[in-house]
Amino acid sequence: KNDAALTLNNLILEKIPAPPKIYHSS
């Protein structure tokens, strides 16, 4: 399911040392 994929992706992204860029939708 999508909800688990979204959670896992956020955890894995934290392992990348680069600073994040955040985009908010309209």
PDB file of all heavy atoms in Angstrom:
ATOM      1  N   LYS A   1       0.817  -1.209   0.000  1.00  0.00           N
ATOM      2  CA  LYS A   1       0.000   0.000   0.000  1.00  0.00           C
ATOM      3  C   LYS A   1       0.855   1.264   0.000  1.00  0.00           C
ATOM      4  O   LYS A   1       2.004   1.280   0.440  1.00  0.00           O
ATOM      5  CB  LYS A   1      -0.939   0.004   1.203  1.00  0.00           C
ATOM      6  CG  LYS A   1      -1.980  -1.119   1.158  1.00  0.00           C
ATOM      7  CD  LYS A   1      -2.963  -1.008   2.299  1.00  0.00           C
ATOM      8  CE  LYS A   1      -4.029  -2.096   2.233  1.00  0.00           C
ATOM      9  NZ  LYS A   1      -5.010  -1.996   3.330  1.00  0.00           N
ATOM     10  N   ASN A   2       0.231   2.355  -0.472  1.00  0.00           N
ATOM     11  CA  ASN A   2       0.922   3.628  -0.618  1.00  0.00           C
ATOM     12  C   ASN A   2       1.385   4.221   0.702  1.00  0.00           C
ATOM     13  O   ASN A   2       2.451   4.841   0.770  1.00  0.00           O
ATOM     14  CB  ASN A   2       0.005   4.635  -1.320  1.00  0.00           C
ATOM     15  CG  ASN A   2       0.048   4.520  -2.827  1.00  0.00           C
ATOM     16  OD1 ASN A   2       1.105   4.560  -3.438  1.00  0.00           O
ATOM     17  ND2 ASN A   2      -1.112   4.362  -3.433  1.00  0.00           N
ATOM     18  N   ASP A   3       0.593   4.088   1.771  1.00  0.00           N
ATOM     19  CA  ASP A   3       0.952   4.747   3.022  1.00  0.00           C
ATOM     20  C   ASP A   3       2.277   4.220   3.561  1.00  0.00           C
ATOM     21  O   ASP A   3       3.118   4.991   4.057  1.00  0.00           O
ATOM     22  CB  ASP A   3      -0.168   4.602   4.066  1.00  0.00           C
ATOM     23  CG  ASP A   3      -0.574   3.161   4.302  1.00  0.00           C
ATOM     24  OD1 ASP A   3      -0.087   2.268   3.588  1.00  0.00           O
ATOM     25  OD2 ASP A   3      -1.396   2.924   5.223  1.00  0.00           O
ATOM     26  N   ALA A   4       2.510   2.903   3.451  1.00  0.00           N
ATOM     27  CA  ALA A   4       3.781   2.329   3.903  1.00  0.00           C
ATOM     28  C   ALA A   4       4.923   2.802   3.016  1.00  0.00           C
ATOM     29  O   ALA A   4       6.026   3.094   3.506  1.00  0.00           O
ATOM     30  CB  ALA A   4       3.697   0.806   3.905  1.00  0.00           C
ATOM     31  N   ALA A   5       4.690   2.901   1.705  1.00  0.00           N
ATOM     32  CA  ALA A   5       5.732   3.363   0.793  1.00  0.00           C
ATOM     33  C   ALA A   5       6.141   4.799   1.103  1.00  0.00           C
ATOM     34  O   ALA A   5       7.336   5.130   1.100  1.00  0.00           O
ATOM     35  CB  ALA A   5       5.250   3.250  -0.653  1.00  0.00           C
ATOM     36  N   LEU A   6       5.177   5.662   1.395  1.00  0.00           N
ATOM     37  CA  LEU A   6       5.485   7.054   1.729  1.00  0.00           C
ATOM     38  C   LEU A   6       6.320   7.146   2.992  1.00  0.00           C
ATOM     39  O   LEU A   6       7.287   7.914   3.076  1.00  0.00           O
ATOM     40  CB  LEU A   6       4.190   7.852   1.886  1.00  0.00           C
ATOM     41  CG  LEU A   6       3.385   8.091   0.610  1.00  0.00           C
ATOM     42  CD1 LEU A   6       2.009   8.674   0.941  1.00  0.00           C
ATOM     43  CD2 LEU A   6       4.127   9.013  -0.345  1.00  0.00           C
ATOM     44  N   THR A   7       5.963   6.345   4.013  1.00  0.00           N
ATOM     45  CA  THR A   7       6.709   6.352   5.272  1.00  0.00           C
ATOM     46  C   THR A   7       8.139   5.869   5.071  1.00  0.00           C
ATOM     47  O   THR A   7       9.100   6.483   5.563  1.00  0.00           O
ATOM     48  CB  THR A   7       6.002   5.463   6.315  1.00  0.00           C
ATOM     49  OG1 THR A   7       4.687   5.967   6.545  1.00  0.00           O
ATOM     50  CG2 THR A   7       6.768   5.440   7.626  1.00  0.00           C
ATOM     51  N   LEU A   8       8.311   4.768   4.345  1.00  0.00           N
ATOM     52  CA  LEU A   8       9.646   4.226   4.087  1.00  0.00           C
ATOM     53  C   LEU A   8      10.494   5.205   3.290  1.00  0.00           C
ATOM     54  O   LEU A   8      11.688   5.390   3.568  1.00  0.00           O
ATOM     55  CB  LEU A   8       9.537   2.899   3.350  1.00  0.00           C
ATOM     56  CG  LEU A   8       8.962   1.726   4.143  1.00  0.00           C
ATOM     57  CD1 LEU A   8       8.712   0.544   3.212  1.00  0.00           C
ATOM     58  CD2 LEU A   8       9.904   1.312   5.270  1.00  0.00           C
ATOM     59  N   ASN A   9       9.915   5.854   2.300  1.00  0.00           N
ATOM     60  CA  ASN A   9      10.670   6.809   1.489  1.00  0.00           C
ATOM     61  C   ASN A   9      11.215   7.956   2.323  1.00  0.00           C
ATOM     62  O   ASN A   9      12.355   8.396   2.128  1.00  0.00           O
ATOM     63  CB  ASN A   9       9.783   7.355   0.367  1.00  0.00           C
ATOM     64  CG  ASN A   9       9.771   6.458  -0.849  1.00  0.00           C
ATOM     65  OD1 ASN A   9      10.791   5.908  -1.243  1.00  0.00           O
ATOM     66  ND2 ASN A   9       8.610   6.300  -1.460  1.00  0.00           N
ATOM     67  N   ASN A  10      10.425   8.454   3.244  1.00  0.00           N
ATOM     68  CA  ASN A  10      10.888   9.545   4.099  1.00  0.00           C
ATOM     69  C   ASN A  10      12.027   9.097   5.007  1.00  0.00           C
ATOM     70  O   ASN A  10      12.974   9.859   5.268  1.00  0.00           O
ATOM     71  CB  ASN A  10       9.729  10.086   4.935  1.00  0.00           C
ATOM     72  CG  ASN A  10       8.734  10.873   4.101  1.00  0.00           C
ATOM     73  OD1 ASN A  10       9.102  11.483   3.105  1.00  0.00           O
ATOM     74  ND2 ASN A  10       7.463  10.859   4.499  1.00  0.00           N
ATOM     75  N   LEU A  11      11.960   7.863   5.501  1.00  0.00           N
ATOM     76  CA  LEU A  11      13.047   7.334   6.331  1.00  0.00           C
ATOM     77  C   LEU A  11      14.333   7.188   5.532  1.00  0.00           C
ATOM     78  O   LEU A  11      15.424   7.520   6.005  1.00  0.00           O
ATOM     79  CB  LEU A  11      12.640   5.980   6.918  1.00  0.00           C
ATOM     80  CG  LEU A  11      11.529   5.983   7.968  1.00  0.00           C
ATOM     81  CD1 LEU A  11      11.140   4.556   8.336  1.00  0.00           C
ATOM     82  CD2 LEU A  11      11.963   6.750   9.214  1.00  0.00           C
ATOM     83  N   ILE A  12      14.223   6.691   4.305  1.00  0.00           N
ATOM     84  CA  ILE A  12      15.411   6.473   3.474  1.00  0.00           C
ATOM     85  C   ILE A  12      16.009   7.794   3.028  1.00  0.00           C
ATOM     86  O   ILE A  12      17.239   7.942   2.950  1.00  0.00           O
ATOM     87  CB  ILE A  12      15.051   5.586   2.269  1.00  0.00           C
ATOM     88  CG1 ILE A  12      14.575   4.216   2.750  1.00  0.00           C
ATOM     89  CG2 ILE A  12      16.236   5.426   1.325  1.00  0.00           C
ATOM     90  CD1 ILE A  12      13.876   3.386   1.693  1.00  0.00           C
ATOM     91  N   LEU A  13      15.166   8.789   2.742  1.00  0.00           N
ATOM     92  CA  LEU A  13      15.671  10.094   2.313  1.00  0.00           C
ATOM     93  C   LEU A  13      16.563  10.717   3.374  1.00  0.00           C
ATOM     94  O   LEU A  13      17.531  11.417   3.052  1.00  0.00           O
ATOM     95  CB  LEU A  13      14.493  11.022   1.994  1.00  0.00           C
ATOM     96  CG  LEU A  13      14.862  12.365   1.363  1.00  0.00           C
ATOM     97  CD1 LEU A  13      15.391  12.163  -0.054  1.00  0.00           C
ATOM     98  CD2 LEU A  13      13.658  13.308   1.346  1.00  0.00           C
ATOM     99  N   GLU A  14      16.261  10.469   4.645  1.00  0.00           N
ATOM    100  CA  GLU A  14      17.063  11.021   5.732  1.00  0.00           C
ATOM    101  C   GLU A  14      18.488  10.477   5.731  1.00  0.00           C
ATOM    102  O   GLU A  14      19.391  11.080   6.329  1.00  0.00           O
ATOM    103  CB  GLU A  14      16.400  10.731   7.079  1.00  0.00           C
ATOM    104  CG  GLU A  14      15.050  11.414   7.273  1.00  0.00           C
ATOM    105  CD  GLU A  14      15.147  12.930   7.180  1.00  0.00           C
ATOM    106  OE1 GLU A  14      16.136  13.489   7.703  1.00  0.00           O
ATOM    107  OE2 GLU A  14      14.248  13.548   6.570  1.00  0.00           O
ATOM    108  N   LYS A  15      18.726   9.365   5.070  1.00  0.00           N
ATOM    109  CA  LYS A  15      20.058   8.772   5.017  1.00  0.00           C
ATOM    110  C   LYS A  15      20.971   9.494   4.026  1.00  0.00           C
ATOM    111  O   LYS A  15      22.182   9.272   4.029  1.00  0.00           O
ATOM    112  CB  LYS A  15      19.953   7.282   4.645  1.00  0.00           C
ATOM    113  CG  LYS A  15      19.232   6.438   5.694  1.00  0.00           C
ATOM    114  CD  LYS A  15      18.916   5.039   5.194  1.00  0.00           C
ATOM    115  CE  LYS A  15      20.150   4.194   5.004  1.00  0.00           C
ATOM    116  NZ  LYS A  15      20.793   3.826   6.268  1.00  0.00           N
ATOM    117  N   ILE A  16      20.387  10.343   3.161  1.00  0.00           N
ATOM    118  CA  ILE A  16      21.190  11.121   2.214  1.00  0.00           C
ATOM    119  C   ILE A  16      21.673  12.384   2.923  1.00  0.00           C
ATOM    120  O   ILE A  16      20.862  13.141   3.460  1.00  0.00           O
ATOM    121  CB  ILE A  16      20.372  11.492   0.963  1.00  0.00           C
ATOM    122  CG1 ILE A  16      19.880  10.234   0.259  1.00  0.00           C
ATOM    123  CG2 ILE A  16      21.201  12.335   0.005  1.00  0.00           C
ATOM    124  CD1 ILE A  16      19.014  10.510  -0.958  1.00  0.00           C
ATOM    125  N   PRO A  17      22.972  12.653   2.949  1.00  0.00           N
ATOM    126  CA  PRO A  17      23.485  13.803   3.722  1.00  0.00           C
ATOM    127  C   PRO A  17      23.164  15.163   3.118  1.00  0.00           C
ATOM    128  O   PRO A  17      23.330  16.188   3.783  1.00  0.00           O
ATOM    129  CB  PRO A  17      25.003  13.548   3.743  1.00  0.00           C
ATOM    130  CG  PRO A  17      25.266  12.699   2.539  1.00  0.00           C
ATOM    131  CD  PRO A  17      24.050  11.836   2.358  1.00  0.00           C
ATOM    132  N   ALA A  18      22.720  15.233   1.874  1.00  0.00           N
ATOM    133  CA  ALA A  18      22.445  16.523   1.229  1.00  0.00           C
ATOM    134  C   ALA A  18      21.263  17.226   1.897  1.00  0.00           C
ATOM    135  O   ALA A  18      20.369  16.576   2.449  1.00  0.00           O
ATOM    136  CB  ALA A  18      22.153  16.313  -0.257  1.00  0.00           C
ATOM    137  N   PRO A  19      21.226  18.569   1.849  1.00  0.00           N
ATOM    138  CA  PRO A  19      20.088  19.307   2.420  1.00  0.00           C
ATOM    139  C   PRO A  19      18.837  19.096   1.593  1.00  0.00           C
ATOM    140  O   PRO A  19      18.904  18.984   0.358  1.00  0.00           O
ATOM    141  CB  PRO A  19      20.549  20.773   2.374  1.00  0.00           C
ATOM    142  CG  PRO A  19      21.562  20.812   1.275  1.00  0.00           C
ATOM    143  CD  PRO A  19      22.261  19.481   1.302  1.00  0.00           C
ATOM    144  N   PRO A  20      17.666  19.060   2.233  1.00  0.00           N
ATOM    145  CA  PRO A  20      16.429  18.819   1.484  1.00  0.00           C
ATOM    146  C   PRO A  20      15.873  20.093   0.862  1.00  0.00           C
ATOM    147  O   PRO A  20      16.107  21.200   1.334  1.00  0.00           O
ATOM    148  CB  PRO A  20      15.480  18.280   2.549  1.00  0.00           C
ATOM    149  CG  PRO A  20      15.938  18.961   3.809  1.00  0.00           C
ATOM    150  CD  PRO A  20      17.430  19.101   3.688  1.00  0.00           C
ATOM    151  N   LYS A  21      15.135  19.925  -0.219  1.00  0.00           N
ATOM    152  CA  LYS A  21      14.347  20.986  -0.840  1.00  0.00           C
ATOM    153  C   LYS A  21      12.891  20.598  -0.682  1.00  0.00           C
ATOM    154  O   LYS A  21      12.498  19.482  -1.025  1.00  0.00           O
ATOM    155  CB  LYS A  21      14.704  21.128  -2.315  1.00  0.00           C
ATOM    156  CG  LYS A  21      13.880  22.145  -3.077  1.00  0.00           C
ATOM    157  CD  LYS A  21      14.314  23.564  -2.796  1.00  0.00           C
ATOM    158  CE  LYS A  21      13.605  24.550  -3.721  1.00  0.00           C
ATOM    159  NZ  LYS A  21      13.997  25.944  -3.452  1.00  0.00           N
ATOM    160  N   ILE A  22      12.078  21.497  -0.131  1.00  0.00           N
ATOM    161  CA  ILE A  22      10.676  21.187   0.139  1.00  0.00           C
ATOM    162  C   ILE A  22       9.778  21.998  -0.790  1.00  0.00           C
ATOM    163  O   ILE A  22       9.899  23.224  -0.878  1.00  0.00           O
ATOM    164  CB  ILE A  22      10.330  21.477   1.617  1.00  0.00           C
ATOM    165  CG1 ILE A  22      11.192  20.611   2.540  1.00  0.00           C
ATOM    166  CG2 ILE A  22       8.853  21.215   1.876  1.00  0.00           C
ATOM    167  CD1 ILE A  22      10.983  20.879   4.008  1.00  0.00           C
ATOM    168  N   TYR A  23       8.904  21.282  -1.484  1.00  0.00           N
ATOM    169  CA  TYR A  23       7.937  21.904  -2.389  1.00  0.00           C
ATOM    170  C   TYR A  23       6.535  21.680  -1.837  1.00  0.00           C
ATOM    171  O   TYR A  23       6.152  20.543  -1.566  1.00  0.00           O
ATOM    172  CB  TYR A  23       8.030  21.292  -3.785  1.00  0.00           C
ATOM    173  CG  TYR A  23       9.353  21.476  -4.479  1.00  0.00           C
ATOM    174  CD1 TYR A  23      10.301  20.456  -4.498  1.00  0.00           C
ATOM    175  CD2 TYR A  23       9.654  22.661  -5.148  1.00  0.00           C
ATOM    176  CE1 TYR A  23      11.508  20.608  -5.142  1.00  0.00           C
ATOM    177  CE2 TYR A  23      10.862  22.830  -5.800  1.00  0.00           C
ATOM    178  CZ  TYR A  23      11.789  21.794  -5.795  1.00  0.00           C
ATOM    179  OH  TYR A  23      12.987  21.962  -6.452  1.00  0.00           O
ATOM    180  N   HIS A  24       5.768  22.756  -1.687  1.00  0.00           N
ATOM    181  CA  HIS A  24       4.379  22.661  -1.239  1.00  0.00           C
ATOM    182  C   HIS A  24       3.445  22.811  -2.442  1.00  0.00           C
ATOM    183  O   HIS A  24       3.653  23.671  -3.301  1.00  0.00           O
ATOM    184  CB  HIS A  24       4.066  23.733  -0.202  1.00  0.00           C
ATOM    185  CG  HIS A  24       4.779  23.549   1.099  1.00  0.00           C
ATOM    186  ND1 HIS A  24       6.048  24.030   1.326  1.00  0.00           N
ATOM    187  CD2 HIS A  24       4.401  22.921   2.240  1.00  0.00           C
ATOM    188  CE1 HIS A  24       6.423  23.721   2.548  1.00  0.00           C
ATOM    189  NE2 HIS A  24       5.443  23.049   3.122  1.00  0.00           N
ATOM    190  N   SER A  25       2.435  21.978  -2.483  1.00  0.00           N
ATOM    191  CA  SER A  25       1.485  22.025  -3.593  1.00  0.00           C
ATOM    192  C   SER A  25       0.428  23.096  -3.359  1.00  0.00           C
ATOM    193  O   SER A  25       0.243  23.596  -2.246  1.00  0.00           O
ATOM    194  CB  SER A  25       0.807  20.665  -3.763  1.00  0.00           C
ATOM    195  OG  SER A  25      -0.075  20.413  -2.676  1.00  0.00           O
ATOM    196  N   SER A  26      -0.274  23.417  -4.445  1.00  0.00           N
ATOM    197  CA  SER A  26      -1.464  24.272  -4.378  1.00  0.00           C
ATOM    198  C   SER A  26      -2.662  23.386  -4.672  1.00  0.00           C
ATOM    199  O   SER A  26      -2.753  22.796  -5.752  1.00  0.00           O
ATOM    200  CB  SER A  26      -1.359  25.405  -5.400  1.00  0.00           C
ATOM    201  OG  SER A  26      -2.549  26.167  -5.431  1.00  0.00           O
TER     202      SER A  26
END
